[in-house]
Amino acid sequence: MRVFETLHDWQAWRQALEGRSVGFVPTMGALHAGHASLIERCRAENEVAVVSIFVNPSQFNDPRDLERYPRDLDRDLLLLEQLGTDGVIVPAAHEIYPQGYGLRVELPACDLVLEAAYRPGFLQGVATVVMKLLNLVRAERAYFGEKDYQQLMLVTALTREFFLPTEIVACPTIREESGLALSSRNTLLSSEARAVAPRLFAALSAEDTCALARERLEALGFIVEYVEERWSRRLAAAYLDGVRLIDNVALAEIAEPSHRN
């Protein structure tokens, strides 16, 4: 496994890969089994599997959240090697943003909903860094999890709008047995909050309406930002123990009233 700390070294290695199919999994590190599932699929469907680890400062509207985001590069690299990753890009922020954050991808006002409404600048930051990474890697396929569903929709639209040749491959959310969606932020939960956190998925999956799901979550101690239905999904974001959790379920998978507890 090759680890690239500079884009110069990465680009030289990428040039030598011409003629081989490249798959790509962009991450912010603190890797877990959800990331592993993306990398395993990437490895199976491409000749070369590439992963990036970059905690993107432009998508954090709260500097404290950026500082608090979990990081463990040594552990991540060990896992990536075990998964058979061929190349890992771990650039510094000045490499990704050599001119600062002046040039960026902007979203139309109609798209500033859900995550964009509650985290100003977040989706612009995601769109900008994904555009940069996709251009750097020039992969045939890039793999994104469905847990961050609005992000997935944005990235898919981005590649179409800017004629990027990379296919965006959507991969199912990986969950614990409890139903809790795997997330790097789960490590920030206290043991008490971790016992309650799976109720987010349960409420989204079981209640007749968004309003009822919100009411149930608030009764459990969640501080709810939104529960809404878009893209044939029910999506939610809520704080628990000071940690922001997001999740979504397909409307077709929401249980009928007769099957609910």
C-alpha atoms as a PDB file:
ATOM      1  CA  MET A   1       0.000   0.000   0.000  1.00  0.00           C
ATOM      2  CA  ARG A   2       1.310   3.435  -0.994  1.00  0.00           C
ATOM      3  CA  VAL A   3       0.584   6.472   1.188  1.00  0.00           C
ATOM      4  CA  PHE A   4       0.745   9.886  -0.470  1.00  0.00           C
ATOM      5  CA  GLU A   5       1.147  12.988   1.672  1.00  0.00           C
ATOM      6  CA  THR A   6       1.698  15.311  -1.288  1.00  0.00           C
ATOM      7  CA  LEU A   7      -0.423  15.718  -4.388  1.00  0.00           C
ATOM      8  CA  HIS A   8       2.718  15.858  -6.517  1.00  0.00           C
ATOM      9  CA  ASP A   9       3.642  12.306  -5.520  1.00  0.00           C
ATOM     10  CA  TRP A  10       0.054  11.141  -5.935  1.00  0.00           C
ATOM     11  CA  GLN A  11      -0.272  12.604  -9.442  1.00  0.00           C
ATOM     12  CA  ALA A  12       2.961  10.935 -10.559  1.00  0.00           C
ATOM     13  CA  TRP A  13       1.700   7.556  -9.304  1.00  0.00           C
ATOM     14  CA  ARG A  14      -1.739   8.134 -10.836  1.00  0.00           C
ATOM     15  CA  GLN A  15      -0.188   8.745 -14.236  1.00  0.00           C
ATOM     16  CA  ALA A  16       1.449   5.328 -14.072  1.00  0.00           C
ATOM     17  CA  LEU A  17      -1.980   3.715 -13.578  1.00  0.00           C
ATOM     18  CA  GLU A  18      -3.287   4.660 -17.032  1.00  0.00           C
ATOM     19  CA  GLY A  19      -5.081   1.719 -18.603  1.00  0.00           C
ATOM     20  CA  ARG A  20      -6.134   0.208 -15.256  1.00  0.00           C
ATOM     21  CA  SER A  21      -9.559   0.695 -13.680  1.00  0.00           C
ATOM     22  CA  VAL A  22      -9.453   2.828 -10.540  1.00  0.00           C
ATOM     23  CA  GLY A  23     -12.067   2.906  -7.774  1.00  0.00           C
ATOM     24  CA  PHE A  24     -12.154   5.617  -5.134  1.00  0.00           C
ATOM     25  CA  VAL A  25     -13.525   5.990  -1.605  1.00  0.00           C
ATOM     26  CA  PRO A  26     -13.229   9.527  -0.172  1.00  0.00           C
ATOM     27  CA  THR A  27     -13.280   9.637   3.649  1.00  0.00           C
ATOM     28  CA  MET A  28     -12.542  11.918   6.580  1.00  0.00           C
ATOM     29  CA  GLY A  29     -10.856   9.103   8.486  1.00  0.00           C
ATOM     30  CA  ALA A  30     -11.882   7.579  11.828  1.00  0.00           C
ATOM     31  CA  LEU A  31     -12.727   4.558   9.717  1.00  0.00           C
ATOM     32  CA  HIS A  32     -15.278   1.936  10.756  1.00  0.00           C
ATOM     33  CA  ALA A  33     -17.083  -1.064   9.279  1.00  0.00           C
ATOM     34  CA  GLY A  34     -19.227   1.204   7.116  1.00  0.00           C
ATOM     35  CA  HIS A  35     -16.135   2.550   5.390  1.00  0.00           C
ATOM     36  CA  ALA A  36     -14.758  -0.987   5.164  1.00  0.00           C
ATOM     37  CA  SER A  37     -17.849  -2.091   3.233  1.00  0.00           C
ATOM     38  CA  LEU A  38     -17.271   0.682   0.684  1.00  0.00           C
ATOM     39  CA  ILE A  39     -13.598  -0.213   0.317  1.00  0.00           C
ATOM     40  CA  GLU A  40     -14.344  -3.917  -0.065  1.00  0.00           C
ATOM     41  CA  ARG A  41     -16.813  -3.197  -2.869  1.00  0.00           C
ATOM     42  CA  CYS A  42     -14.338  -0.801  -4.462  1.00  0.00           C
ATOM     43  CA  ARG A  43     -11.632  -3.474  -4.280  1.00  0.00           C
ATOM     44  CA  ALA A  44     -13.948  -6.078  -5.867  1.00  0.00           C
ATOM     45  CA  GLU A  45     -15.074  -3.890  -8.781  1.00  0.00           C
ATOM     46  CA  ASN A  46     -11.795  -2.218  -9.785  1.00  0.00           C
ATOM     47  CA  GLU A  47      -8.197  -3.132 -10.451  1.00  0.00           C
ATOM     48  CA  VAL A  48      -6.886  -0.390  -8.167  1.00  0.00           C
ATOM     49  CA  ALA A  49      -8.533   0.783  -4.923  1.00  0.00           C
ATOM     50  CA  VAL A  50      -7.760   4.307  -3.734  1.00  0.00           C
ATOM     51  CA  VAL A  51      -8.884   5.963  -0.491  1.00  0.00           C
ATOM     52  CA  SER A  52      -8.471   9.554   0.644  1.00  0.00           C
ATOM     53  CA  ILE A  53      -8.357  10.670   4.273  1.00  0.00           C
ATOM     54  CA  PHE A  54      -8.972  14.396   4.575  1.00  0.00           C
ATOM     55  CA  VAL A  55     -10.893  16.186   7.312  1.00  0.00           C
ATOM     56  CA  ASN A  56     -12.255  18.935   5.112  1.00  0.00           C
ATOM     57  CA  PRO A  57     -12.283  22.260   6.994  1.00  0.00           C
ATOM     58  CA  SER A  58     -14.575  23.974   4.484  1.00  0.00           C
ATOM     59  CA  GLN A  59     -17.563  21.801   5.436  1.00  0.00           C
ATOM     60  CA  PHE A  60     -17.475  22.666   9.142  1.00  0.00           C
ATOM     61  CA  ASN A  61     -19.480  25.744  10.073  1.00  0.00           C
ATOM     62  CA  ASP A  62     -18.470  25.332  13.734  1.00  0.00           C
ATOM     63  CA  PRO A  63     -14.701  25.418  14.445  1.00  0.00           C
ATOM     64  CA  ARG A  64     -15.291  23.459  17.669  1.00  0.00           C
ATOM     65  CA  ASP A  65     -16.865  20.642  15.650  1.00  0.00           C
ATOM     66  CA  LEU A  66     -13.825  20.546  13.362  1.00  0.00           C
ATOM     67  CA  GLU A  67     -11.480  20.400  16.352  1.00  0.00           C
ATOM     68  CA  ARG A  68     -13.533  17.670  17.987  1.00  0.00           C
ATOM     69  CA  TYR A  69     -13.829  15.449  14.914  1.00  0.00           C
ATOM     70  CA  PRO A  70     -12.196  12.066  15.708  1.00  0.00           C
ATOM     71  CA  ARG A  71      -8.818  11.347  14.116  1.00  0.00           C
ATOM     72  CA  ASP A  72      -6.627   8.241  14.284  1.00  0.00           C
ATOM     73  CA  LEU A  73      -4.461   8.060  11.172  1.00  0.00           C
ATOM     74  CA  ASP A  74      -2.247   5.162  12.308  1.00  0.00           C
ATOM     75  CA  ARG A  75      -5.283   2.985  13.035  1.00  0.00           C
ATOM     76  CA  ASP A  76      -6.902   3.998   9.730  1.00  0.00           C
ATOM     77  CA  LEU A  77      -3.816   3.104   7.706  1.00  0.00           C
ATOM     78  CA  LEU A  78      -3.564  -0.287   9.395  1.00  0.00           C
ATOM     79  CA  LEU A  79      -7.189  -1.055   8.540  1.00  0.00           C
ATOM     80  CA  LEU A  80      -6.740   0.111   4.944  1.00  0.00           C
ATOM     81  CA  GLU A  81      -3.720  -2.132   4.496  1.00  0.00           C
ATOM     82  CA  GLN A  82      -5.688  -5.089   5.867  1.00  0.00           C
ATOM     83  CA  LEU A  83      -8.469  -4.327   3.372  1.00  0.00           C
ATOM     84  CA  GLY A  84      -6.067  -4.464   0.430  1.00  0.00           C
ATOM     85  CA  THR A  85      -6.089  -0.768  -0.418  1.00  0.00           C
ATOM     86  CA  ASP A  86      -3.545   0.156  -3.079  1.00  0.00           C
ATOM     87  CA  GLY A  87      -3.165   3.893  -2.551  1.00  0.00           C
ATOM     88  CA  VAL A  88      -4.071   6.325   0.235  1.00  0.00           C
ATOM     89  CA  ILE A  89      -4.080  10.094  -0.213  1.00  0.00           C
ATOM     90  CA  VAL A  90      -3.590  12.009   3.064  1.00  0.00           C
ATOM     91  CA  PRO A  91      -3.061  15.624   1.995  1.00  0.00           C
ATOM     92  CA  ALA A  92      -2.722  18.685   4.188  1.00  0.00           C
ATOM     93  CA  ALA A  93      -5.349  21.421   3.857  1.00  0.00           C
ATOM     94  CA  HIS A  94      -2.940  23.769   2.033  1.00  0.00           C
ATOM     95  CA  GLU A  95      -2.510  21.113  -0.666  1.00  0.00           C
ATOM     96  CA  ILE A  96      -6.239  20.843  -1.305  1.00  0.00           C
ATOM     97  CA  TYR A  97      -6.786  24.614  -0.993  1.00  0.00           C
ATOM     98  CA  PRO A  98      -3.546  26.188  -2.300  1.00  0.00           C
ATOM     99  CA  GLN A  99      -5.323  29.506  -2.949  1.00  0.00           C
ATOM    100  CA  GLY A 100      -7.486  29.319   0.146  1.00  0.00           C
ATOM    101  CA  TYR A 101     -11.222  28.788  -0.144  1.00  0.00           C
ATOM    102  CA  GLY A 102     -11.926  31.593  -2.605  1.00  0.00           C
ATOM    103  CA  LEU A 103     -13.010  29.449  -5.554  1.00  0.00           C
ATOM    104  CA  ARG A 104     -15.836  27.111  -4.592  1.00  0.00           C
ATOM    105  CA  VAL A 105     -18.930  25.326  -5.829  1.00  0.00           C
ATOM    106  CA  GLU A 106     -22.108  27.225  -4.934  1.00  0.00           C
ATOM    107  CA  LEU A 107     -25.561  25.671  -4.666  1.00  0.00           C
ATOM    108  CA  PRO A 108     -28.813  27.193  -5.937  1.00  0.00           C
ATOM    109  CA  ALA A 109     -31.114  28.573  -3.250  1.00  0.00           C
ATOM    110  CA  CYS A 110     -33.651  25.788  -3.831  1.00  0.00           C
ATOM    111  CA  ASP A 111     -31.076  23.215  -2.641  1.00  0.00           C
ATOM    112  CA  LEU A 112     -30.333  24.956   0.665  1.00  0.00           C
ATOM    113  CA  VAL A 113     -32.536  22.642   2.717  1.00  0.00           C
ATOM    114  CA  LEU A 114     -32.021  20.046   5.474  1.00  0.00           C
ATOM    115  CA  GLU A 115     -28.254  19.832   6.072  1.00  0.00           C
ATOM    116  CA  ALA A 116     -27.623  23.029   4.114  1.00  0.00           C
ATOM    117  CA  ALA A 117     -30.182  24.932   6.163  1.00  0.00           C
ATOM    118  CA  TYR A 118     -28.847  23.792   9.539  1.00  0.00           C
ATOM    119  CA  ARG A 119     -25.147  23.759   8.650  1.00  0.00           C
ATOM    120  CA  PRO A 120     -24.495  26.885   6.560  1.00  0.00           C
ATOM    121  CA  GLY A 121     -21.722  26.299   4.033  1.00  0.00           C
ATOM    122  CA  PHE A 122     -21.612  22.544   4.666  1.00  0.00           C
ATOM    123  CA  LEU A 123     -22.836  21.332   1.292  1.00  0.00           C
ATOM    124  CA  GLN A 124     -20.805  23.952  -0.570  1.00  0.00           C
ATOM    125  CA  GLY A 125     -17.746  22.627   1.250  1.00  0.00           C
ATOM    126  CA  VAL A 126     -18.647  19.041   0.384  1.00  0.00           C
ATOM    127  CA  ALA A 127     -19.275  19.866  -3.272  1.00  0.00           C
ATOM    128  CA  THR A 128     -16.015  21.787  -3.563  1.00  0.00           C
ATOM    129  CA  VAL A 129     -13.787  19.160  -1.985  1.00  0.00           C
ATOM    130  CA  VAL A 130     -15.467  16.295  -3.851  1.00  0.00           C
ATOM    131  CA  MET A 131     -14.977  18.144  -7.145  1.00  0.00           C
ATOM    132  CA  LYS A 132     -11.281  18.549  -6.328  1.00  0.00           C
ATOM    133  CA  LEU A 133     -10.815  14.928  -5.233  1.00  0.00           C
ATOM    134  CA  LEU A 134     -12.661  13.452  -8.210  1.00  0.00           C
ATOM    135  CA  ASN A 135     -10.493  15.512 -10.560  1.00  0.00           C
ATOM    136  CA  LEU A 136      -7.346  14.410  -8.735  1.00  0.00           C
ATOM    137  CA  VAL A 137      -8.168  10.700  -8.672  1.00  0.00           C
ATOM    138  CA  ARG A 138      -9.933  10.395 -12.052  1.00  0.00           C
ATOM    139  CA  ALA A 139     -11.554   7.144 -10.975  1.00  0.00           C
ATOM    140  CA  GLU A 140     -13.982   5.084 -13.005  1.00  0.00           C
ATOM    141  CA  ARG A 141     -16.140   4.710  -9.890  1.00  0.00           C
ATOM    142  CA  ALA A 142     -16.431   6.465  -6.533  1.00  0.00           C
ATOM    143  CA  TYR A 143     -18.302   4.926  -3.595  1.00  0.00           C
ATOM    144  CA  PHE A 144     -20.572   6.816  -1.197  1.00  0.00           C
ATOM    145  CA  GLY A 145     -22.775   5.515   1.622  1.00  0.00           C
ATOM    146  CA  GLU A 146     -26.517   6.172   1.755  1.00  0.00           C
ATOM    147  CA  LYS A 147     -26.361   7.333   5.382  1.00  0.00           C
ATOM    148  CA  ASP A 148     -25.373  10.797   4.183  1.00  0.00           C
ATOM    149  CA  TYR A 149     -28.203  10.750   1.674  1.00  0.00           C
ATOM    150  CA  GLN A 150     -28.376  14.445   0.824  1.00  0.00           C
ATOM    151  CA  GLN A 151     -24.626  14.407   0.247  1.00  0.00           C
ATOM    152  CA  LEU A 152     -25.048  11.406  -2.060  1.00  0.00           C
ATOM    153  CA  MET A 153     -27.721  13.245  -4.070  1.00  0.00           C
ATOM    154  CA  LEU A 154     -25.494  16.316  -4.297  1.00  0.00           C
ATOM    155  CA  VAL A 155     -22.408  14.419  -5.459  1.00  0.00           C
ATOM    156  CA  THR A 156     -24.418  12.500  -8.059  1.00  0.00           C
ATOM    157  CA  ALA A 157     -25.833  15.773  -9.414  1.00  0.00           C
ATOM    158  CA  LEU A 158     -22.363  17.360  -9.342  1.00  0.00           C
ATOM    159  CA  THR A 159     -20.841  14.739 -11.614  1.00  0.00           C
ATOM    160  CA  ARG A 160     -23.678  15.141 -14.112  1.00  0.00           C
ATOM    161  CA  GLU A 161     -23.677  18.941 -14.053  1.00  0.00           C
ATOM    162  CA  PHE A 162     -19.907  19.244 -14.588  1.00  0.00           C
ATOM    163  CA  PHE A 163     -19.586  16.255 -16.954  1.00  0.00           C
ATOM    164  CA  LEU A 164     -17.248  14.353 -14.658  1.00  0.00           C
ATOM    165  CA  PRO A 165     -16.605  10.834 -15.990  1.00  0.00           C
ATOM    166  CA  THR A 166     -16.665   9.129 -12.574  1.00  0.00           C
ATOM    167  CA  GLU A 167     -19.694   6.942 -11.809  1.00  0.00           C
ATOM    168  CA  ILE A 168     -21.086   7.529  -8.323  1.00  0.00           C
ATOM    169  CA  VAL A 169     -21.944   4.200  -6.693  1.00  0.00           C
ATOM    170  CA  ALA A 170     -24.473   4.338  -3.836  1.00  0.00           C
ATOM    171  CA  CYS A 171     -23.893   1.778  -1.073  1.00  0.00           C
ATOM    172  CA  PRO A 172     -26.336   0.753   1.694  1.00  0.00           C
ATOM    173  CA  THR A 173     -25.998   2.131   5.213  1.00  0.00           C
ATOM    174  CA  ILE A 174     -24.204  -0.276   7.550  1.00  0.00           C
ATOM    175  CA  ARG A 175     -25.780  -0.577  10.995  1.00  0.00           C
ATOM    176  CA  GLU A 176     -25.072  -2.128  14.350  1.00  0.00           C
ATOM    177  CA  GLU A 177     -27.430  -4.896  15.469  1.00  0.00           C
ATOM    178  CA  SER A 178     -29.290  -2.232  17.432  1.00  0.00           C
ATOM    179  CA  GLY A 179     -30.060  -0.356  14.220  1.00  0.00           C
ATOM    180  CA  LEU A 180     -27.680   2.526  14.914  1.00  0.00           C
ATOM    181  CA  ALA A 181     -26.056   3.701  11.688  1.00  0.00           C
ATOM    182  CA  LEU A 182     -22.279   3.445  11.848  1.00  0.00           C
ATOM    183  CA  SER A 183     -20.639   6.856  12.028  1.00  0.00           C
ATOM    184  CA  SER A 184     -17.280   8.221  13.090  1.00  0.00           C
ATOM    185  CA  ARG A 185     -19.159  10.545  15.451  1.00  0.00           C
ATOM    186  CA  ASN A 186     -20.564   7.601  17.413  1.00  0.00           C
ATOM    187  CA  THR A 187     -17.241   7.413  19.243  1.00  0.00           C
ATOM    188  CA  LEU A 188     -18.090  10.767  20.856  1.00  0.00           C
ATOM    189  CA  LEU A 189     -21.247   9.416  22.529  1.00  0.00           C
ATOM    190  CA  SER A 190     -21.278   8.554  26.219  1.00  0.00           C
ATOM    191  CA  SER A 191     -22.266   4.997  27.117  1.00  0.00           C
ATOM    192  CA  GLU A 192     -25.680   6.247  28.250  1.00  0.00           C
ATOM    193  CA  ALA A 193     -26.301   8.137  25.024  1.00  0.00           C
ATOM    194  CA  ARG A 194     -25.092   5.223  22.916  1.00  0.00           C
ATOM    195  CA  ALA A 195     -27.847   3.083  24.464  1.00  0.00           C
ATOM    196  CA  VAL A 196     -30.454   5.647  23.366  1.00  0.00           C
ATOM    197  CA  ALA A 197     -28.992   6.509  19.939  1.00  0.00           C
ATOM    198  CA  PRO A 198     -30.537   3.512  18.076  1.00  0.00           C
ATOM    199  CA  ARG A 199     -33.959   4.981  18.816  1.00  0.00           C
ATOM    200  CA  LEU A 200     -33.335   7.480  16.026  1.00  0.00           C
ATOM    201  CA  PHE A 201     -33.556   4.754  13.400  1.00  0.00           C
ATOM    202  CA  ALA A 202     -36.457   3.101  15.229  1.00  0.00           C
ATOM    203  CA  ALA A 203     -38.503   6.322  15.259  1.00  0.00           C
ATOM    204  CA  LEU A 204     -37.866   6.999  11.576  1.00  0.00           C
ATOM    205  CA  SER A 205     -38.826   3.441  10.683  1.00  0.00           C
ATOM    206  CA  ALA A 206     -41.949   3.055  12.797  1.00  0.00           C
ATOM    207  CA  GLU A 207     -43.957   6.266  13.020  1.00  0.00           C
ATOM    208  CA  ASP A 208     -46.762   7.187  10.611  1.00  0.00           C
ATOM    209  CA  THR A 209     -45.619  10.781  10.101  1.00  0.00           C
ATOM    210  CA  CYS A 210     -42.590  12.992  10.458  1.00  0.00           C
ATOM    211  CA  ALA A 211     -44.362  14.897  13.220  1.00  0.00           C
ATOM    212  CA  LEU A 212     -44.896  11.727  15.252  1.00  0.00           C
ATOM    213  CA  ALA A 213     -41.293  10.640  14.715  1.00  0.00           C
ATOM    214  CA  ARG A 214     -40.093  14.039  15.917  1.00  0.00           C
ATOM    215  CA  GLU A 215     -42.362  13.889  18.977  1.00  0.00           C
ATOM    216  CA  ARG A 216     -41.065  10.426  19.877  1.00  0.00           C
ATOM    217  CA  LEU A 217     -37.432  11.517  19.543  1.00  0.00           C
ATOM    218  CA  GLU A 218     -37.905  14.622  21.642  1.00  0.00           C
ATOM    219  CA  ALA A 219     -39.556  12.529  24.361  1.00  0.00           C
ATOM    220  CA  LEU A 220     -36.396  10.381  24.398  1.00  0.00           C
ATOM    221  CA  GLY A 221     -34.157  13.407  24.922  1.00  0.00           C
ATOM    222  CA  PHE A 222     -33.034  14.106  21.347  1.00  0.00           C
ATOM    223  CA  ILE A 223     -32.751  17.746  20.300  1.00  0.00           C
ATOM    224  CA  VAL A 224     -34.266  17.466  16.830  1.00  0.00           C
ATOM    225  CA  GLU A 225     -33.267  19.752  13.979  1.00  0.00           C
ATOM    226  CA  TYR A 226     -35.423  18.182  11.292  1.00  0.00           C
ATOM    227  CA  VAL A 227     -37.457  15.149  10.304  1.00  0.00           C
ATOM    228  CA  GLU A 228     -38.540  15.510   6.685  1.00  0.00           C
ATOM    229  CA  GLU A 229     -39.402  13.443   3.640  1.00  0.00           C
ATOM    230  CA  ARG A 230     -37.582  14.049   0.364  1.00  0.00           C
ATOM    231  CA  TRP A 231     -36.210  11.862  -2.442  1.00  0.00           C
ATOM    232  CA  SER A 232     -38.547   9.034  -1.323  1.00  0.00           C
ATOM    233  CA  ARG A 233     -36.739   9.003   2.033  1.00  0.00           C
ATOM    234  CA  ARG A 234     -37.493  10.068   5.575  1.00  0.00           C
ATOM    235  CA  LEU A 235     -34.440  11.950   6.820  1.00  0.00           C
ATOM    236  CA  ALA A 236     -33.537  13.305  10.240  1.00  0.00           C
ATOM    237  CA  ALA A 237     -30.832  15.137  12.126  1.00  0.00           C
ATOM    238  CA  ALA A 238     -30.776  15.391  15.916  1.00  0.00           C
ATOM    239  CA  TYR A 239     -28.385  16.012  18.775  1.00  0.00           C
ATOM    240  CA  LEU A 240     -27.890  13.517  21.580  1.00  0.00           C
ATOM    241  CA  ASP A 241     -25.380  14.093  24.359  1.00  0.00           C
ATOM    242  CA  GLY A 242     -24.093  17.045  22.332  1.00  0.00           C
ATOM    243  CA  VAL A 243     -23.312  14.815  19.338  1.00  0.00           C
ATOM    244  CA  ARG A 244     -25.072  15.418  16.034  1.00  0.00           C
ATOM    245  CA  LEU A 245     -26.521  12.266  14.472  1.00  0.00           C
ATOM    246  CA  ILE A 246     -28.149  11.874  11.055  1.00  0.00           C
ATOM    247  CA  ASP A 247     -30.034   8.971   9.528  1.00  0.00           C
ATOM    248  CA  ASN A 248     -32.607   8.154   6.876  1.00  0.00           C
ATOM    249  CA  VAL A 249     -34.849   5.332   5.740  1.00  0.00           C
ATOM    250  CA  ALA A 250     -36.540   4.642   2.420  1.00  0.00           C
ATOM    251  CA  LEU A 251     -40.267   5.393   2.613  1.00  0.00           C
ATOM    252  CA  ALA A 252     -40.945   1.977   1.095  1.00  0.00           C
ATOM    253  CA  GLU A 253     -39.251   0.353   4.108  1.00  0.00           C
ATOM    254  CA  ILE A 254     -41.269   2.136   6.794  1.00  0.00           C
ATOM    255  CA  ALA A 255     -43.375  -0.470   8.573  1.00  0.00           C
ATOM    256  CA  GLU A 256     -47.143  -0.582   8.043  1.00  0.00           C
ATOM    257  CA  PRO A 257     -49.146   0.317  11.186  1.00  0.00           C
ATOM    258  CA  SER A 258     -50.199  -3.307  11.744  1.00  0.00           C
ATOM    259  CA  HIS A 259     -46.565  -4.402  12.013  1.00  0.00           C
ATOM    260  CA  ARG A 260     -45.398  -1.724  14.448  1.00  0.00           C
ATOM    261  CA  ASN A 261     -44.730  -2.265  18.130  1.00  0.00           C
END
